[in-house]
N, C-alpha and C. Protein backbone atom coordinates (compact mmCIF):
# COMPACT_ATOMS: atom_id res chain seq x y z
N MET A 1 -33.81 7.42 69.74
CA MET A 1 -35.05 7.42 68.59
C MET A 1 -34.42 7.56 67.09
N SER A 2 -35.01 6.69 66.36
CA SER A 2 -34.42 6.48 64.85
C SER A 2 -34.73 7.89 64.14
N HIS A 3 -33.52 8.43 63.46
CA HIS A 3 -33.94 9.68 62.66
C HIS A 3 -33.72 9.08 61.14
N LYS A 4 -33.47 7.82 61.07
CA LYS A 4 -33.17 7.41 59.62
C LYS A 4 -34.18 6.64 58.97
N PHE A 5 -35.06 5.86 59.90
CA PHE A 5 -36.25 4.94 59.35
C PHE A 5 -37.45 5.18 59.95
N VAL A 6 -38.50 5.50 58.96
CA VAL A 6 -39.62 5.77 59.43
C VAL A 6 -40.60 4.76 58.34
N SER A 7 -41.51 4.00 58.88
CA SER A 7 -42.33 3.34 58.20
C SER A 7 -43.71 3.73 58.15
N ASN A 8 -44.52 3.97 57.04
CA ASN A 8 -45.81 4.39 56.96
C ASN A 8 -46.79 3.30 56.56
N LYS A 9 -46.39 2.14 56.94
CA LYS A 9 -47.16 0.76 56.57
C LYS A 9 -47.62 0.55 58.24
N ASP A 10 -49.03 0.04 58.27
CA ASP A 10 -49.76 -0.39 59.28
C ASP A 10 -49.38 -1.77 59.62
N LYS A 11 -47.86 -1.75 59.94
CA LYS A 11 -47.21 -3.14 60.18
C LYS A 11 -46.54 -3.21 61.42
N PRO A 12 -46.79 -4.10 62.56
CA PRO A 12 -46.07 -3.86 63.86
C PRO A 12 -44.51 -4.54 63.62
N VAL A 13 -43.82 -4.09 64.32
CA VAL A 13 -42.35 -4.66 64.53
C VAL A 13 -42.29 -5.18 65.76
N ARG A 14 -41.67 -6.36 65.74
CA ARG A 14 -41.58 -7.10 66.92
C ARG A 14 -40.54 -6.61 68.10
N ILE A 15 -41.16 -6.55 69.29
CA ILE A 15 -40.18 -5.88 70.29
C ILE A 15 -39.67 -7.10 71.14
N PHE A 16 -40.50 -7.75 71.78
CA PHE A 16 -39.97 -8.99 72.71
C PHE A 16 -40.18 -10.32 71.86
N GLU A 17 -39.25 -11.17 72.14
CA GLU A 17 -39.14 -12.53 71.73
C GLU A 17 -40.43 -13.22 72.53
N ASN A 18 -40.33 -12.96 73.80
CA ASN A 18 -41.51 -13.56 74.69
C ASN A 18 -43.02 -13.14 74.03
N GLU A 19 -43.85 -14.30 73.98
CA GLU A 19 -45.17 -13.95 73.24
C GLU A 19 -46.14 -13.11 74.24
N PHE A 20 -45.88 -13.24 75.59
CA PHE A 20 -46.86 -12.48 76.41
C PHE A 20 -46.28 -11.37 76.60
N LEU A 21 -45.01 -10.93 76.64
CA LEU A 21 -44.50 -9.69 76.77
C LEU A 21 -44.92 -8.79 75.45
N GLU A 22 -44.76 -9.45 74.62
CA GLU A 22 -45.05 -8.81 73.09
C GLU A 22 -46.50 -8.31 73.29
N SER A 23 -47.40 -9.02 73.64
CA SER A 23 -48.79 -8.97 73.39
C SER A 23 -49.17 -7.74 74.46
N LEU A 24 -48.47 -7.53 75.49
CA LEU A 24 -48.60 -6.34 76.21
C LEU A 24 -48.38 -5.05 75.77
N THR A 25 -47.61 -5.02 74.47
CA THR A 25 -47.25 -3.69 73.86
C THR A 25 -48.40 -3.49 72.71
N LYS A 26 -49.32 -4.04 72.45
CA LYS A 26 -50.25 -4.01 71.67
C LYS A 26 -51.63 -3.94 72.04
N VAL A 27 -52.41 -2.88 71.67
CA VAL A 27 -53.70 -2.72 72.22
C VAL A 27 -54.61 -2.03 71.22
N HIS A 28 -55.96 -2.49 71.12
CA HIS A 28 -56.79 -1.91 70.21
C HIS A 28 -57.11 -0.62 70.67
N PHE A 29 -57.60 0.37 69.88
CA PHE A 29 -57.72 1.95 70.40
C PHE A 29 -59.12 1.96 71.25
N SER A 30 -59.98 0.79 71.35
CA SER A 30 -60.98 0.89 71.98
C SER A 30 -60.84 0.53 73.28
N ILE A 31 -59.73 -0.19 73.83
CA ILE A 31 -59.91 -0.45 75.24
C ILE A 31 -59.65 0.59 76.21
N PRO A 32 -58.93 1.65 76.24
CA PRO A 32 -58.96 2.56 77.14
C PRO A 32 -60.44 3.10 77.23
N LEU A 33 -61.30 3.26 76.12
CA LEU A 33 -62.53 3.67 76.63
C LEU A 33 -63.39 2.51 77.20
N ILE A 34 -63.10 1.27 77.24
CA ILE A 34 -63.61 0.40 77.79
C ILE A 34 -63.29 0.51 79.39
N ILE A 35 -62.12 0.65 79.53
CA ILE A 35 -61.52 0.74 81.04
C ILE A 35 -61.86 1.87 81.78
N TYR A 36 -61.87 2.97 81.12
CA TYR A 36 -61.82 4.38 81.77
C TYR A 36 -63.12 5.02 81.81
N ILE A 37 -64.02 4.72 80.83
CA ILE A 37 -65.54 5.53 80.95
C ILE A 37 -66.28 4.92 82.00
N PRO A 38 -66.09 3.50 82.54
CA PRO A 38 -66.75 3.26 83.76
C PRO A 38 -66.08 3.69 85.12
N ILE A 39 -65.00 3.81 85.11
CA ILE A 39 -64.18 4.49 86.14
C ILE A 39 -64.53 6.10 86.39
N ILE A 40 -64.70 6.91 85.23
CA ILE A 40 -65.04 8.09 84.95
C ILE A 40 -66.32 8.29 85.65
N LEU A 41 -67.35 7.63 85.20
CA LEU A 41 -68.74 7.72 85.46
C LEU A 41 -69.01 7.25 87.09
N TYR A 42 -68.24 6.32 87.47
CA TYR A 42 -68.16 5.84 88.90
C TYR A 42 -67.54 7.00 89.96
N PHE A 43 -66.59 7.72 89.52
CA PHE A 43 -65.91 8.84 90.33
C PHE A 43 -66.87 10.05 90.40
N ILE A 44 -67.47 10.24 89.19
CA ILE A 44 -68.36 11.25 89.18
C ILE A 44 -69.73 10.63 89.97
N TYR A 45 -70.03 9.68 89.93
CA TYR A 45 -71.25 9.24 90.85
C TYR A 45 -70.97 9.27 92.33
N LYS A 46 -69.75 9.08 92.77
CA LYS A 46 -69.06 9.14 94.26
C LYS A 46 -69.21 10.80 94.58
N SER A 47 -68.74 11.63 93.83
CA SER A 47 -68.86 12.90 93.91
C SER A 47 -70.31 13.42 94.14
N ILE A 48 -71.22 12.98 93.42
CA ILE A 48 -72.64 13.56 93.48
C ILE A 48 -73.07 13.01 94.74
N PHE A 49 -72.92 11.56 94.89
CA PHE A 49 -74.07 10.88 95.94
C PHE A 49 -73.32 10.55 97.16
N ASP A 50 -72.00 10.33 97.25
CA ASP A 50 -71.21 10.08 98.37
C ASP A 50 -70.75 11.28 99.12
N PHE A 51 -70.33 12.22 98.40
CA PHE A 51 -69.57 13.34 98.97
C PHE A 51 -70.91 14.56 98.78
N GLU A 52 -71.60 14.46 98.01
CA GLU A 52 -72.85 15.42 98.02
C GLU A 52 -72.25 16.97 97.39
N LEU A 53 -71.27 16.98 96.69
CA LEU A 53 -70.68 18.26 96.30
C LEU A 53 -71.67 18.83 95.24
N SER A 54 -71.82 20.03 95.34
CA SER A 54 -72.64 20.72 94.36
C SER A 54 -72.11 20.70 92.92
N SER A 55 -73.14 21.18 92.18
CA SER A 55 -72.68 20.86 90.60
C SER A 55 -71.57 21.91 90.18
N ILE A 56 -71.51 23.03 90.83
CA ILE A 56 -70.47 24.10 90.59
C ILE A 56 -69.04 23.60 90.82
N ILE A 57 -69.00 22.81 92.21
CA ILE A 57 -67.70 22.44 92.63
C ILE A 57 -67.47 21.15 91.96
N ILE A 58 -68.18 20.24 91.37
CA ILE A 58 -67.84 19.22 90.72
C ILE A 58 -67.21 19.67 89.12
N ILE A 59 -68.15 20.56 88.65
CA ILE A 59 -67.72 20.91 87.44
C ILE A 59 -66.46 21.60 87.25
N SER A 60 -66.01 22.41 88.38
CA SER A 60 -64.71 23.06 88.62
C SER A 60 -63.71 22.29 88.57
N LEU A 61 -63.98 20.99 89.49
CA LEU A 61 -62.76 20.12 89.68
C LEU A 61 -62.55 19.40 88.56
N TYR A 62 -63.84 19.11 87.79
CA TYR A 62 -63.67 18.27 86.61
C TYR A 62 -62.96 19.01 85.40
N PHE A 63 -63.07 20.26 85.07
CA PHE A 63 -62.46 20.99 84.33
C PHE A 63 -60.95 21.21 84.73
N GLY A 64 -60.86 21.41 86.15
CA GLY A 64 -59.32 21.44 86.55
C GLY A 64 -58.68 20.40 86.36
N GLY A 65 -59.20 19.14 86.44
CA GLY A 65 -58.46 17.93 86.05
C GLY A 65 -58.17 17.63 84.62
N LEU A 66 -59.27 18.22 83.82
CA LEU A 66 -58.77 18.17 82.49
C LEU A 66 -57.60 19.00 82.04
N ILE A 67 -57.62 20.39 82.67
CA ILE A 67 -56.62 21.01 82.15
C ILE A 67 -55.50 20.39 82.49
N PHE A 68 -55.27 20.28 83.77
CA PHE A 68 -53.99 19.39 84.37
C PHE A 68 -53.56 18.18 83.55
N TRP A 69 -54.60 17.36 83.00
CA TRP A 69 -54.05 16.35 82.23
C TRP A 69 -53.31 16.86 81.09
N THR A 70 -53.79 17.98 80.34
CA THR A 70 -53.05 18.57 79.04
C THR A 70 -51.60 19.07 79.41
N LEU A 71 -51.56 19.61 80.71
CA LEU A 71 -49.97 20.03 81.11
C LEU A 71 -49.34 18.76 81.28
N PHE A 72 -49.75 17.84 82.25
CA PHE A 72 -49.13 16.47 82.26
C PHE A 72 -48.70 15.77 81.05
N GLU A 73 -49.65 15.82 80.14
CA GLU A 73 -49.35 15.26 78.57
C GLU A 73 -48.31 15.82 78.20
N TYR A 74 -48.09 16.97 77.98
CA TYR A 74 -47.15 17.89 77.52
C TYR A 74 -45.82 17.42 78.18
N LEU A 75 -45.90 17.77 79.63
CA LEU A 75 -44.46 17.32 80.14
C LEU A 75 -43.91 15.76 80.15
N MET A 76 -44.79 14.96 79.99
CA MET A 76 -44.51 13.52 80.01
C MET A 76 -43.80 13.17 78.50
N HIS A 77 -44.76 13.87 77.51
CA HIS A 77 -44.12 13.98 75.97
C HIS A 77 -42.92 14.48 75.88
N ARG A 78 -42.74 15.67 76.41
CA ARG A 78 -41.26 16.18 76.34
C ARG A 78 -40.09 15.65 77.17
N PHE A 79 -40.47 15.41 78.32
CA PHE A 79 -39.26 15.10 79.25
C PHE A 79 -39.09 13.67 79.53
N VAL A 80 -40.04 12.84 79.35
CA VAL A 80 -40.12 11.60 79.48
C VAL A 80 -40.01 10.64 78.24
N PHE A 81 -41.08 10.79 77.19
CA PHE A 81 -41.01 10.19 76.05
C PHE A 81 -39.95 10.64 75.23
N HIS A 82 -39.48 11.83 75.38
CA HIS A 82 -38.44 12.28 74.42
C HIS A 82 -37.09 12.46 75.08
N PHE A 83 -37.00 12.00 76.27
CA PHE A 83 -35.69 12.08 76.82
C PHE A 83 -34.61 10.81 76.37
N GLU A 84 -33.58 11.03 75.88
CA GLU A 84 -32.78 10.37 75.00
C GLU A 84 -31.62 9.82 76.19
N PRO A 85 -31.51 8.51 76.48
CA PRO A 85 -30.71 7.78 77.34
C PRO A 85 -29.53 7.62 76.71
N LYS A 86 -28.39 7.45 77.42
CA LYS A 86 -27.04 7.16 76.67
C LYS A 86 -26.65 5.66 76.84
N SER A 87 -27.21 4.97 77.99
CA SER A 87 -27.17 3.45 78.12
C SER A 87 -27.58 2.81 77.03
N LYS A 88 -27.32 1.56 76.94
CA LYS A 88 -27.95 0.35 76.11
C LYS A 88 -29.31 -0.06 76.56
N PHE A 89 -29.36 -0.17 78.09
CA PHE A 89 -30.66 -0.56 78.40
C PHE A 89 -31.71 0.73 78.42
N GLY A 90 -30.92 1.95 78.60
CA GLY A 90 -31.99 2.98 78.44
C GLY A 90 -32.56 3.24 77.11
N LYS A 91 -31.41 3.15 76.05
CA LYS A 91 -32.01 3.29 74.65
C LYS A 91 -33.07 2.24 74.32
N ARG A 92 -33.11 0.96 75.04
CA ARG A 92 -33.97 0.06 74.54
C ARG A 92 -35.30 0.30 75.21
N ALA A 93 -35.21 0.90 76.45
CA ALA A 93 -36.34 1.17 77.37
C ALA A 93 -37.25 2.31 76.40
N HIS A 94 -36.31 3.24 75.98
CA HIS A 94 -36.88 4.21 75.31
C HIS A 94 -37.56 4.02 74.18
N PHE A 95 -37.02 3.07 73.26
CA PHE A 95 -37.49 2.63 72.05
C PHE A 95 -39.00 1.92 72.14
N ILE A 96 -38.98 1.00 73.33
CA ILE A 96 -40.15 0.46 73.65
C ILE A 96 -41.42 1.51 73.95
N PHE A 97 -41.00 2.35 74.90
CA PHE A 97 -41.95 3.26 75.32
C PHE A 97 -42.50 4.44 74.26
N HIS A 98 -41.53 4.86 73.15
CA HIS A 98 -42.02 5.96 72.55
C HIS A 98 -41.13 5.63 71.16
N GLY A 99 -40.10 5.47 71.18
CA GLY A 99 -39.19 5.32 69.91
C GLY A 99 -40.08 4.27 68.79
N VAL A 100 -40.34 3.33 69.19
CA VAL A 100 -41.22 2.49 68.09
C VAL A 100 -42.34 3.31 67.37
N HIS A 101 -42.94 4.39 68.23
CA HIS A 101 -44.02 5.01 67.64
C HIS A 101 -43.64 5.89 66.52
N HIS A 102 -42.49 6.73 66.94
CA HIS A 102 -41.80 7.54 65.78
C HIS A 102 -41.23 6.71 64.49
N ASP A 103 -40.92 5.40 64.85
CA ASP A 103 -40.10 4.62 63.80
C ASP A 103 -41.42 3.96 62.82
N TYR A 104 -42.56 3.59 63.61
CA TYR A 104 -43.71 3.07 63.18
C TYR A 104 -45.16 3.78 63.33
N PRO A 105 -45.23 4.94 62.86
CA PRO A 105 -46.29 5.91 63.38
C PRO A 105 -47.45 5.40 62.81
N LYS A 106 -47.68 4.63 62.10
CA LYS A 106 -48.87 4.10 61.44
C LYS A 106 -49.31 2.33 62.20
N ASP A 107 -48.63 2.22 62.88
CA ASP A 107 -48.92 0.77 63.76
C ASP A 107 -50.13 1.11 64.65
N SER A 108 -51.09 0.55 64.11
CA SER A 108 -52.63 0.90 64.69
C SER A 108 -52.66 0.05 66.03
N MET A 109 -51.67 -0.77 66.40
CA MET A 109 -51.79 -1.68 67.49
C MET A 109 -50.95 -0.99 68.46
N ARG A 110 -50.16 0.13 68.10
CA ARG A 110 -49.54 0.66 69.40
C ARG A 110 -49.61 2.38 69.24
N LEU A 111 -50.98 2.76 69.15
CA LEU A 111 -51.14 4.18 69.10
C LEU A 111 -51.76 4.58 70.40
N VAL A 112 -52.31 3.78 71.09
CA VAL A 112 -52.83 4.11 72.41
C VAL A 112 -52.00 3.43 73.53
N MET A 113 -51.83 4.05 74.49
CA MET A 113 -51.03 3.36 75.71
C MET A 113 -51.68 2.10 76.04
N PRO A 114 -50.82 1.10 76.25
CA PRO A 114 -51.23 -0.18 76.56
C PRO A 114 -51.71 -0.01 78.14
N PRO A 115 -52.84 -0.76 78.52
CA PRO A 115 -53.61 -0.65 80.07
C PRO A 115 -52.15 -0.67 81.10
N ILE A 116 -51.27 -1.89 80.94
CA ILE A 116 -50.52 -1.96 82.01
C ILE A 116 -49.80 -0.50 82.35
N ALA A 117 -49.55 0.19 81.19
CA ALA A 117 -48.75 1.43 81.37
C ALA A 117 -49.60 2.37 81.78
N SER A 118 -50.74 2.57 81.28
CA SER A 118 -51.64 3.70 81.68
C SER A 118 -52.20 3.60 82.90
N LEU A 119 -52.53 2.32 83.47
CA LEU A 119 -53.08 2.14 84.83
C LEU A 119 -51.85 2.22 85.84
N THR A 120 -50.70 2.13 85.37
CA THR A 120 -49.50 2.20 86.61
C THR A 120 -49.65 3.76 86.76
N PHE A 121 -49.31 4.50 85.54
CA PHE A 121 -49.04 5.75 85.63
C PHE A 121 -50.20 6.53 86.48
N SER A 122 -51.51 6.02 86.10
CA SER A 122 -52.76 6.67 86.63
C SER A 122 -52.85 6.37 88.24
N ALA A 123 -52.14 5.19 88.66
CA ALA A 123 -52.27 4.56 90.09
C ALA A 123 -50.92 5.60 90.79
N ILE A 124 -49.99 5.86 90.37
CA ILE A 124 -48.92 6.62 90.93
C ILE A 124 -49.44 8.13 91.02
N ILE A 125 -49.93 8.96 89.92
CA ILE A 125 -50.56 10.11 90.01
C ILE A 125 -51.49 10.49 90.94
N PHE A 126 -52.64 9.38 90.98
CA PHE A 126 -53.76 9.26 91.70
C PHE A 126 -53.28 9.15 93.37
N SER A 127 -52.29 8.38 93.60
CA SER A 127 -51.57 8.21 94.92
C SER A 127 -51.06 9.51 95.60
N ILE A 128 -50.44 10.33 94.59
CA ILE A 128 -49.67 11.34 95.04
C ILE A 128 -50.57 12.46 95.28
N PHE A 129 -51.96 12.85 94.58
CA PHE A 129 -52.83 13.71 94.90
C PHE A 129 -53.73 13.24 96.11
N TRP A 130 -53.78 11.92 96.27
CA TRP A 130 -54.50 11.35 97.35
C TRP A 130 -53.87 11.95 98.82
N MET A 131 -52.58 11.97 98.72
CA MET A 131 -51.81 12.51 99.94
C MET A 131 -51.95 14.15 100.26
N PHE A 132 -52.29 14.98 99.26
CA PHE A 132 -52.38 16.24 99.31
C PHE A 132 -53.78 16.88 99.10
N MET A 133 -54.67 16.20 98.49
CA MET A 133 -56.00 16.66 97.97
C MET A 133 -57.02 16.12 98.97
N PRO A 134 -58.07 16.83 99.45
CA PRO A 134 -59.14 16.22 100.31
C PRO A 134 -59.91 15.10 99.55
N GLU A 135 -60.30 13.99 100.12
CA GLU A 135 -60.73 12.84 99.57
C GLU A 135 -62.26 13.29 98.91
N LYS A 136 -62.78 14.22 99.19
CA LYS A 136 -63.98 14.42 98.70
C LYS A 136 -64.14 15.31 97.43
N PHE A 137 -62.59 15.62 97.03
CA PHE A 137 -62.49 16.54 95.94
C PHE A 137 -61.71 15.78 94.78
N ILE A 138 -61.17 14.75 95.26
CA ILE A 138 -60.21 14.00 94.28
C ILE A 138 -61.01 13.08 93.21
N TYR A 139 -62.25 12.65 93.55
CA TYR A 139 -62.82 12.06 92.47
C TYR A 139 -63.50 12.58 91.35
N ALA A 140 -63.83 13.76 91.68
CA ALA A 140 -64.40 14.78 90.45
C ALA A 140 -63.03 15.28 89.49
N PHE A 141 -62.08 15.52 90.41
CA PHE A 141 -60.79 16.07 89.61
C PHE A 141 -60.29 14.95 88.85
N PHE A 142 -60.30 13.80 89.10
CA PHE A 142 -59.71 12.76 88.40
C PHE A 142 -60.61 12.31 87.31
N SER A 143 -61.94 12.29 87.48
CA SER A 143 -62.86 12.05 86.33
C SER A 143 -62.38 13.27 85.28
N GLY A 144 -62.26 14.26 85.37
CA GLY A 144 -61.57 15.08 84.31
C GLY A 144 -60.46 14.78 83.77
N PHE A 145 -59.39 14.43 84.72
CA PHE A 145 -58.07 14.00 84.45
C PHE A 145 -58.11 12.92 83.41
N TRP A 146 -58.90 11.91 83.63
CA TRP A 146 -59.02 10.65 82.74
C TRP A 146 -59.74 10.82 81.58
N THR A 147 -60.58 11.84 81.60
CA THR A 147 -61.58 12.46 80.32
C THR A 147 -60.34 12.80 79.31
N GLY A 148 -59.58 13.60 79.95
CA GLY A 148 -58.42 14.29 79.07
C GLY A 148 -57.50 13.37 78.45
N TYR A 149 -57.26 12.19 79.20
CA TYR A 149 -56.61 11.06 78.79
C TYR A 149 -57.27 10.39 77.69
N LEU A 150 -58.37 10.07 77.60
CA LEU A 150 -59.20 9.40 76.47
C LEU A 150 -58.97 10.41 75.51
N PHE A 151 -59.28 11.79 75.46
CA PHE A 151 -59.14 12.60 74.24
C PHE A 151 -57.86 12.45 73.61
N TYR A 152 -56.78 12.55 74.66
CA TYR A 152 -55.36 12.24 73.91
C TYR A 152 -55.52 10.82 73.48
N ASP A 153 -55.66 9.68 73.92
CA ASP A 153 -55.33 8.70 73.43
C ASP A 153 -56.11 8.33 72.06
N ILE A 154 -57.48 8.45 72.08
CA ILE A 154 -58.26 8.18 70.85
C ILE A 154 -57.93 9.59 69.97
N GLY A 155 -57.67 10.44 70.31
CA GLY A 155 -57.44 11.68 69.25
C GLY A 155 -56.13 11.36 68.78
N HIS A 156 -55.37 10.77 69.44
CA HIS A 156 -53.83 10.41 68.84
C HIS A 156 -54.18 9.38 67.54
N PHE A 157 -54.93 8.25 68.17
CA PHE A 157 -55.35 7.30 66.98
C PHE A 157 -55.82 8.09 66.02
N ALA A 158 -57.04 8.79 66.17
CA ALA A 158 -57.54 9.36 64.94
C ALA A 158 -56.52 10.33 63.76
N MET A 159 -55.67 10.84 64.56
CA MET A 159 -54.62 11.57 63.79
C MET A 159 -53.90 10.94 62.97
N HIS A 160 -53.80 9.64 63.25
CA HIS A 160 -52.98 8.72 62.26
C HIS A 160 -53.73 7.88 61.53
N HIS A 161 -55.02 7.61 61.82
CA HIS A 161 -55.79 6.89 61.05
C HIS A 161 -56.99 7.16 60.51
N PHE A 162 -57.73 8.39 60.94
CA PHE A 162 -58.82 8.89 60.49
C PHE A 162 -58.97 9.94 59.56
N ASN A 163 -59.89 9.85 58.72
CA ASN A 163 -59.89 11.12 57.85
C ASN A 163 -60.57 12.22 58.68
N ILE A 164 -59.84 13.46 58.96
CA ILE A 164 -60.37 14.40 59.66
C ILE A 164 -60.69 15.55 58.87
N ASN A 165 -62.05 16.10 59.10
CA ASN A 165 -62.41 17.31 58.28
C ASN A 165 -62.72 18.40 59.18
N ASN A 166 -62.86 18.57 60.20
CA ASN A 166 -63.10 19.55 61.32
C ASN A 166 -61.88 20.40 61.39
N LYS A 167 -61.83 21.59 61.15
CA LYS A 167 -60.78 22.63 61.02
C LYS A 167 -60.16 22.59 62.32
N TYR A 168 -60.58 22.53 63.48
CA TYR A 168 -59.90 22.64 64.68
C TYR A 168 -59.03 21.49 64.87
N TRP A 169 -59.62 20.14 64.54
CA TRP A 169 -58.85 18.97 64.70
C TRP A 169 -57.95 18.71 63.55
N LEU A 170 -57.99 19.45 62.33
CA LEU A 170 -56.96 19.27 61.46
C LEU A 170 -55.94 20.22 61.80
N LYS A 171 -56.08 21.30 62.45
CA LYS A 171 -54.85 21.96 62.94
C LYS A 171 -54.06 21.29 63.96
N ILE A 172 -54.69 20.56 64.96
CA ILE A 172 -54.03 19.76 65.83
C ILE A 172 -53.47 18.54 65.07
N LYS A 173 -53.94 17.99 64.04
CA LYS A 173 -53.48 16.88 63.34
C LYS A 173 -52.02 17.19 62.76
N LYS A 174 -52.35 18.65 62.07
CA LYS A 174 -51.03 19.12 61.21
C LYS A 174 -49.89 19.35 62.22
N ASN A 175 -50.15 19.86 63.44
CA ASN A 175 -49.13 20.12 64.48
C ASN A 175 -48.21 18.77 64.63
N HIS A 176 -49.35 17.76 64.93
CA HIS A 176 -48.53 16.44 65.52
C HIS A 176 -47.76 15.80 64.23
N MET A 177 -48.16 15.92 63.08
CA MET A 177 -47.61 15.55 61.94
C MET A 177 -46.35 16.13 61.72
N LEU A 178 -46.12 17.57 61.95
CA LEU A 178 -44.93 18.40 62.05
C LEU A 178 -43.93 17.74 63.03
N HIS A 179 -44.51 17.36 64.10
CA HIS A 179 -43.72 16.70 65.32
C HIS A 179 -43.12 15.48 64.82
N HIS A 180 -43.95 14.70 64.09
CA HIS A 180 -43.38 13.29 63.50
C HIS A 180 -42.32 13.47 62.45
N TYR A 181 -42.75 14.41 61.37
CA TYR A 181 -42.01 14.21 59.94
C TYR A 181 -41.15 15.39 59.83
N LYS A 182 -41.31 16.32 60.75
CA LYS A 182 -40.16 17.78 60.53
C LYS A 182 -39.38 17.85 61.58
N ASP A 183 -39.82 17.88 62.75
CA ASP A 183 -38.78 18.34 64.13
C ASP A 183 -39.49 17.74 65.21
N GLU A 184 -38.96 16.40 65.78
CA GLU A 184 -39.77 15.71 67.01
C GLU A 184 -39.18 16.64 68.24
N HIS A 185 -38.51 17.52 67.96
CA HIS A 185 -38.00 18.39 69.20
C HIS A 185 -38.93 19.63 69.49
N HIS A 186 -40.11 19.45 68.70
CA HIS A 186 -41.09 20.63 68.90
C HIS A 186 -42.25 19.83 68.67
N GLY A 187 -43.39 20.69 69.23
CA GLY A 187 -44.76 20.15 69.03
C GLY A 187 -45.04 18.97 70.11
N PHE A 188 -44.85 19.22 71.36
CA PHE A 188 -44.90 18.04 72.02
C PHE A 188 -46.50 18.16 72.67
N GLY A 189 -47.30 18.97 72.46
CA GLY A 189 -48.54 18.97 73.00
C GLY A 189 -49.46 18.32 71.87
N VAL A 190 -50.00 17.14 72.05
CA VAL A 190 -50.45 16.24 71.17
C VAL A 190 -52.06 16.87 71.06
N SER A 191 -52.83 16.50 72.12
CA SER A 191 -54.19 17.15 72.16
C SER A 191 -54.39 18.66 72.47
N MET A 192 -53.22 19.26 73.02
CA MET A 192 -53.61 20.62 73.41
C MET A 192 -52.24 21.34 72.89
N PRO A 193 -52.08 21.93 71.80
CA PRO A 193 -50.81 22.60 71.39
C PRO A 193 -50.48 23.83 72.14
N PHE A 194 -51.56 24.34 72.92
CA PHE A 194 -51.47 25.50 73.58
C PHE A 194 -50.04 25.38 74.45
N TRP A 195 -49.93 24.41 75.00
CA TRP A 195 -48.64 24.44 75.94
C TRP A 195 -47.22 24.74 75.15
N ASP A 196 -47.24 24.19 73.97
CA ASP A 196 -46.09 24.63 73.08
C ASP A 196 -45.83 25.95 72.99
N LYS A 197 -46.89 26.88 72.88
CA LYS A 197 -46.74 28.20 72.78
C LYS A 197 -46.26 28.74 74.18
N ILE A 198 -46.80 28.36 75.25
CA ILE A 198 -46.25 28.79 76.69
C ILE A 198 -45.07 28.38 76.70
N PHE A 199 -44.61 27.30 76.33
CA PHE A 199 -43.08 26.87 76.73
C PHE A 199 -42.13 27.19 75.48
N ASN A 200 -42.57 27.83 74.57
CA ASN A 200 -41.71 28.03 73.41
C ASN A 200 -41.07 26.92 72.76
N THR A 201 -41.98 25.93 72.48
CA THR A 201 -41.63 24.58 71.92
C THR A 201 -42.40 24.27 70.38
N GLY A 202 -43.23 25.42 70.23
CA GLY A 202 -44.40 25.19 68.95
C GLY A 202 -43.36 25.49 67.66
N PHE A 203 -44.15 25.26 66.64
CA PHE A 203 -43.57 25.58 65.30
C PHE A 203 -43.93 26.74 64.77
N GLY A 204 -42.78 27.42 64.16
CA GLY A 204 -43.02 28.82 63.77
C GLY A 204 -43.96 28.77 62.55
N LYS A 205 -44.59 29.97 61.99
CA LYS A 205 -45.61 30.02 60.96
C LYS A 205 -44.72 29.45 59.54
N ASP A 206 -43.39 29.86 59.65
CA ASP A 206 -42.62 29.39 58.41
C ASP A 206 -42.54 27.87 58.39
N GLU A 207 -42.69 27.27 59.21
CA GLU A 207 -42.69 25.73 59.27
C GLU A 207 -43.89 25.01 59.09
N LYS A 208 -44.97 25.77 59.15
CA LYS A 208 -46.20 25.32 59.04
C LYS A 208 -46.95 25.20 57.48
């Protein structure tokens, strides 16, 4: 990840020479909403009408999935997106997945996760839970998980491009900007800085 160059212009850098591969790295911030909201609604529908779960169970599973997302987001950001490989191929892959965002944080077409990546990650995590969680519970749980993902993706876009006045979101935005412009080895919780406090990776009062 570059420590020498940061562009604050909403201008993309080319990653691939191939036009098709290049197009896969860019996505409008509305696309995750278009993809995941129907899935979330369908999963809630299945929980209610196919498995006939009580409202308390559905709400509990939904918020359980939501909370799990915030931990998953933290761990992915810290240990995957900020893993610094030594090989040339590894460094190239790291730049494509996350380094480009730190070098071009205002690039509006690379602020939400491309569907090919988010759907792949989603399929893997869903498959793992499918092996261990009863089918009747998994749909409500993942409707919360993907709601958390949408809050992360759209919230992340908003932090970089929207004028935010709400005190709560301003605090979260400030934490993320410190991660970008002060110390990228702290502040891994994008939508929920709570986990930085738990794992002692947050910013001290003198840094804020």
